[in-house]
Amino acid sequence: MSPSTRGLAVLLCAAALFGGCKKEEPAAKDDRTLEKLRQEVDRVNQGGAPSGAPDETDPNARLAGLAAGQDQEKPRTYTLPSKQKVKVDTLELQPTGLESLHSLRGTGKVALTTDELFLRVKLDAENVGESAVHVPFSTVRVVDAGGKEYPLARDAQTVAGTRKLDRTWENEQRDSVDLIFEVPPDAIAPGLSLLIPTSSGEDARIPLQ
């Protein structure tokens, strides 16, 4: 389990409050953290604004603070360097939006929070070829200026992104696609790109920053 995944697991346990996700021998500091979280969530649920920044030295407290303020969080949007269409075989992709946020909530009650950032890439897609084309969006990645790649955030994609990713597009079929990744804040910088595999084995590249 990666550190990021462990962070999400800790958050979901803490945010549940009344669930059964507990350590066998919680330390006194953990008890105090959970009690503060319980009081903060109760206060926010009654209409209060989230309190100031949590103790940055305690990662559990930081995640708890992010979870308590998730309903008030607004996505940060970024200007795309270009909205020029890029072809993946005969599927034409046009980037339409880029945003980041710490917490994601789907149509149900499930929510995810990370101390890094969820990055949402929005695309419009249309098959401009004469025959059907299959594109496996489940294998897309984002790559930063240093060459480090980040795959789709699977859990986040299921909660708040496009769920049917590997699909066959018929002639003239069009749709919008939302792809969600989990990245550190410093990855969102000039040089950030989206990579989509093609049938030739090469990646099509869409610049995001």
Protein backbone atom coordinates (compact mmCIF):
# COMPACT_ATOMS: atom_id res chain seq x y z
CA MET A 1 0.00 0.00 0.00
CA SER A 2 1.46 3.36 -1.01
CA PRO A 3 1.80 6.26 1.52
CA SER A 4 -0.94 8.09 -0.37
CA THR A 5 -3.28 5.10 -0.14
CA ARG A 6 -2.53 4.75 3.56
CA GLY A 7 -3.37 8.43 3.98
CA LEU A 8 -6.76 7.93 2.31
CA ALA A 9 -7.45 4.92 4.50
CA VAL A 10 -6.64 6.88 7.65
CA LEU A 11 -8.89 9.71 6.54
CA LEU A 12 -11.86 7.48 5.75
CA CYS A 13 -11.53 5.87 9.16
CA ALA A 14 -11.38 9.23 10.90
CA ALA A 15 -14.11 10.89 8.86
CA ALA A 16 -16.53 8.04 9.53
CA LEU A 17 -16.33 8.86 13.27
CA PHE A 18 -18.96 6.31 14.18
CA GLY A 19 -17.58 3.45 12.07
CA GLY A 20 -15.51 0.55 13.25
CA CYS A 21 -12.11 1.51 11.84
CA LYS A 22 -9.92 1.73 14.94
CA LYS A 23 -6.39 0.87 15.91
CA GLU A 24 -6.06 -1.91 18.44
CA GLU A 25 -4.19 0.29 20.90
CA PRO A 26 -4.81 3.96 20.03
CA ALA A 27 -2.39 6.37 21.61
CA ALA A 28 -3.60 9.25 23.74
CA LYS A 29 -2.62 11.72 21.01
CA ASP A 30 -4.75 9.81 18.49
CA ASP A 31 -7.70 9.97 20.90
CA ARG A 32 -7.30 13.73 21.20
CA THR A 33 -7.06 14.08 17.42
CA LEU A 34 -10.26 12.08 16.85
CA GLU A 35 -12.07 14.02 19.56
CA LYS A 36 -11.06 17.32 17.96
CA LEU A 37 -12.18 15.98 14.58
CA ARG A 38 -15.53 14.92 16.03
CA GLN A 39 -16.06 18.38 17.51
CA GLU A 40 -14.98 20.09 14.27
CA VAL A 41 -17.29 17.97 12.09
CA ASP A 42 -20.21 18.62 14.46
CA ARG A 43 -19.50 22.34 14.36
CA VAL A 44 -19.25 22.44 10.54
CA ASN A 45 -22.43 20.37 10.20
CA GLN A 46 -24.22 23.01 12.28
CA GLY A 47 -23.23 25.72 9.82
CA GLY A 48 -19.88 26.86 11.18
CA ALA A 49 -16.89 27.57 8.97
CA PRO A 50 -13.90 25.21 9.07
CA SER A 51 -11.27 26.20 11.62
CA GLY A 52 -7.74 27.33 10.80
CA ALA A 53 -5.01 25.15 9.37
CA PRO A 54 -4.41 21.90 11.26
CA ASP A 55 -1.11 20.91 12.83
CA GLU A 56 1.11 20.32 9.79
CA THR A 57 3.36 18.02 11.86
CA ASP A 58 0.51 15.52 12.31
CA PRO A 59 -0.51 14.01 8.92
CA ASN A 60 -3.66 12.50 10.44
CA ALA A 61 -4.74 15.89 11.76
CA ARG A 62 -4.06 17.48 8.37
CA LEU A 63 -6.23 14.94 6.56
CA ALA A 64 -8.92 15.36 9.22
CA GLY A 65 -8.93 19.11 8.67
CA LEU A 66 -9.21 18.66 4.91
CA ALA A 67 -12.10 16.25 5.35
CA ALA A 68 -13.95 18.63 7.69
CA GLY A 69 -13.79 21.39 5.09
CA GLN A 70 -14.46 19.31 1.97
CA ASP A 71 -18.00 20.63 1.46
CA GLN A 72 -16.67 24.21 1.38
CA GLU A 73 -13.74 23.49 -0.91
CA LYS A 74 -13.92 24.90 -4.42
CA PRO A 75 -11.82 23.38 -7.20
CA ARG A 76 -8.85 25.40 -8.38
CA THR A 77 -9.02 25.83 -12.14
CA TYR A 78 -6.07 26.26 -14.49
CA THR A 79 -5.70 27.86 -17.90
CA LEU A 80 -4.88 25.30 -20.56
CA PRO A 81 -1.91 26.16 -22.80
CA SER A 82 -3.95 25.05 -25.83
CA LYS A 83 -7.36 23.64 -26.65
CA GLN A 84 -6.14 22.28 -29.96
CA LYS A 85 -7.54 18.86 -30.85
CA VAL A 86 -5.23 15.84 -30.71
CA LYS A 87 -5.89 12.55 -32.54
CA VAL A 88 -5.62 9.15 -30.87
CA ASP A 89 -5.95 6.93 -33.92
CA THR A 90 -9.27 8.28 -35.30
CA LEU A 91 -10.56 9.56 -31.95
CA GLU A 92 -10.23 13.32 -31.80
CA LEU A 93 -9.64 14.68 -28.28
CA GLN A 94 -10.01 18.30 -27.24
CA PRO A 95 -8.98 19.37 -23.71
CA THR A 96 -11.72 21.52 -22.17
CA GLY A 97 -10.75 21.93 -18.52
CA LEU A 98 -8.20 21.29 -15.78
CA GLU A 99 -8.80 21.61 -12.05
CA SER A 100 -7.42 20.37 -8.74
CA LEU A 101 -8.84 19.85 -5.27
CA HIS A 102 -8.11 17.91 -2.08
CA SER A 103 -11.50 16.20 -1.75
CA LEU A 104 -13.80 14.46 -4.20
CA ARG A 105 -17.42 13.50 -3.73
CA GLY A 106 -19.47 11.50 -6.19
CA THR A 107 -23.23 11.26 -6.60
CA GLY A 108 -23.48 9.04 -3.51
CA LYS A 109 -22.23 9.49 0.04
CA VAL A 110 -18.68 8.29 -0.59
CA ALA A 111 -15.97 10.96 -0.48
CA LEU A 112 -12.18 10.77 -0.79
CA THR A 113 -9.59 13.19 0.53
CA THR A 114 -5.85 13.38 -0.07
CA ASP A 115 -3.10 15.56 1.37
CA GLU A 116 -1.72 15.80 -2.18
CA LEU A 117 -4.09 16.88 -4.98
CA PHE A 118 -6.69 15.22 -7.15
CA LEU A 119 -6.23 16.48 -10.70
CA ARG A 120 -9.28 16.37 -12.98
CA VAL A 121 -8.69 16.50 -16.76
CA LYS A 122 -11.75 17.17 -18.91
CA LEU A 123 -11.89 16.16 -22.56
CA ASP A 124 -14.36 16.19 -25.42
CA ALA A 125 -13.98 13.15 -27.68
CA GLU A 126 -15.29 12.32 -31.16
CA ASN A 127 -14.53 9.51 -33.56
CA VAL A 128 -13.90 11.21 -36.88
CA GLY A 129 -12.97 7.99 -38.70
CA GLU A 130 -15.17 5.90 -40.97
CA SER A 131 -14.99 2.82 -38.73
CA ALA A 132 -15.15 2.11 -35.00
CA VAL A 133 -12.06 2.64 -32.87
CA HIS A 134 -11.17 1.26 -29.43
CA VAL A 135 -9.29 3.52 -27.01
CA PRO A 136 -8.21 2.21 -23.55
CA PHE A 137 -8.47 5.34 -21.42
CA SER A 138 -7.72 3.23 -18.34
CA THR A 139 -4.04 3.28 -19.35
CA VAL A 140 -3.64 7.07 -19.67
CA ARG A 141 -1.13 8.90 -17.49
CA VAL A 142 -0.03 12.41 -16.72
CA VAL A 143 3.68 13.19 -16.82
CA ASP A 144 5.38 16.15 -15.16
CA ALA A 145 8.27 18.24 -16.45
CA GLY A 146 10.78 15.91 -14.80
CA GLY A 147 9.38 12.86 -16.60
CA LYS A 148 7.63 11.31 -13.60
CA GLU A 149 4.37 9.62 -14.58
CA TYR A 150 1.15 9.36 -12.57
CA PRO A 151 -1.52 6.79 -13.50
CA LEU A 152 -5.24 7.22 -12.98
CA ALA A 153 -6.31 7.36 -9.33
CA ARG A 154 -8.54 4.28 -9.50
CA ASP A 155 -10.67 4.86 -6.41
CA ALA A 156 -11.11 8.56 -7.19
CA GLN A 157 -11.95 7.76 -10.82
CA THR A 158 -14.69 5.39 -9.66
CA VAL A 159 -16.12 7.95 -7.23
CA ALA A 160 -16.11 11.12 -9.32
CA GLY A 161 -14.83 10.49 -12.85
CA THR A 162 -15.92 8.75 -16.04
CA ARG A 163 -16.44 5.10 -15.16
CA LYS A 164 -16.57 3.46 -18.58
CA LEU A 165 -13.02 4.09 -19.75
CA ASP A 166 -12.16 1.25 -22.13
CA ARG A 167 -14.71 1.53 -24.88
CA THR A 168 -15.25 1.33 -28.61
CA TRP A 169 -16.27 4.56 -30.30
CA GLU A 170 -18.50 4.25 -33.34
CA ASN A 171 -18.25 6.52 -36.36
CA GLU A 172 -19.19 10.12 -35.41
CA GLN A 173 -19.82 9.10 -31.79
CA ARG A 174 -18.93 11.86 -29.37
CA ASP A 175 -18.88 12.22 -25.59
CA SER A 176 -17.10 13.99 -22.74
CA VAL A 177 -14.54 12.25 -20.55
CA ASP A 178 -13.33 13.17 -17.04
CA LEU A 179 -10.01 11.65 -15.94
CA ILE A 180 -8.77 11.89 -12.36
CA PHE A 181 -5.18 11.56 -11.13
CA GLU A 182 -3.50 12.02 -7.75
CA VAL A 183 -0.39 14.20 -7.94
CA PRO A 184 1.80 16.31 -5.64
CA PRO A 185 1.16 20.06 -5.90
CA ASP A 186 4.55 20.75 -7.50
CA ALA A 187 3.66 18.45 -10.43
CA ILE A 188 1.14 21.01 -11.67
CA ALA A 189 3.65 23.19 -13.45
CA PRO A 190 4.80 24.02 -16.99
CA GLY A 191 5.55 20.79 -18.84
CA LEU A 192 2.68 18.77 -17.38
CA SER A 193 1.08 16.64 -20.11
CA LEU A 194 -1.50 13.92 -20.61
CA LEU A 195 -0.31 10.74 -22.35
CA ILE A 196 -2.77 8.50 -24.23
CA PRO A 197 -1.64 5.20 -25.82
CA THR A 198 -2.34 4.66 -29.52
CA SER A 199 -2.53 1.48 -31.62
CA SER A 200 0.97 2.19 -32.99
CA GLY A 201 2.46 1.81 -29.53
CA GLU A 202 3.35 5.48 -29.24
CA ASP A 203 1.66 7.93 -26.89
CA ALA A 204 -0.38 10.90 -28.04
CA ARG A 205 0.46 13.91 -25.89
CA ILE A 206 -1.87 16.69 -24.77
CA PRO A 207 -0.16 19.61 -22.98
CA LEU A 208 -1.91 20.60 -19.74
CA GLN A 209 0.46 23.29 -18.42
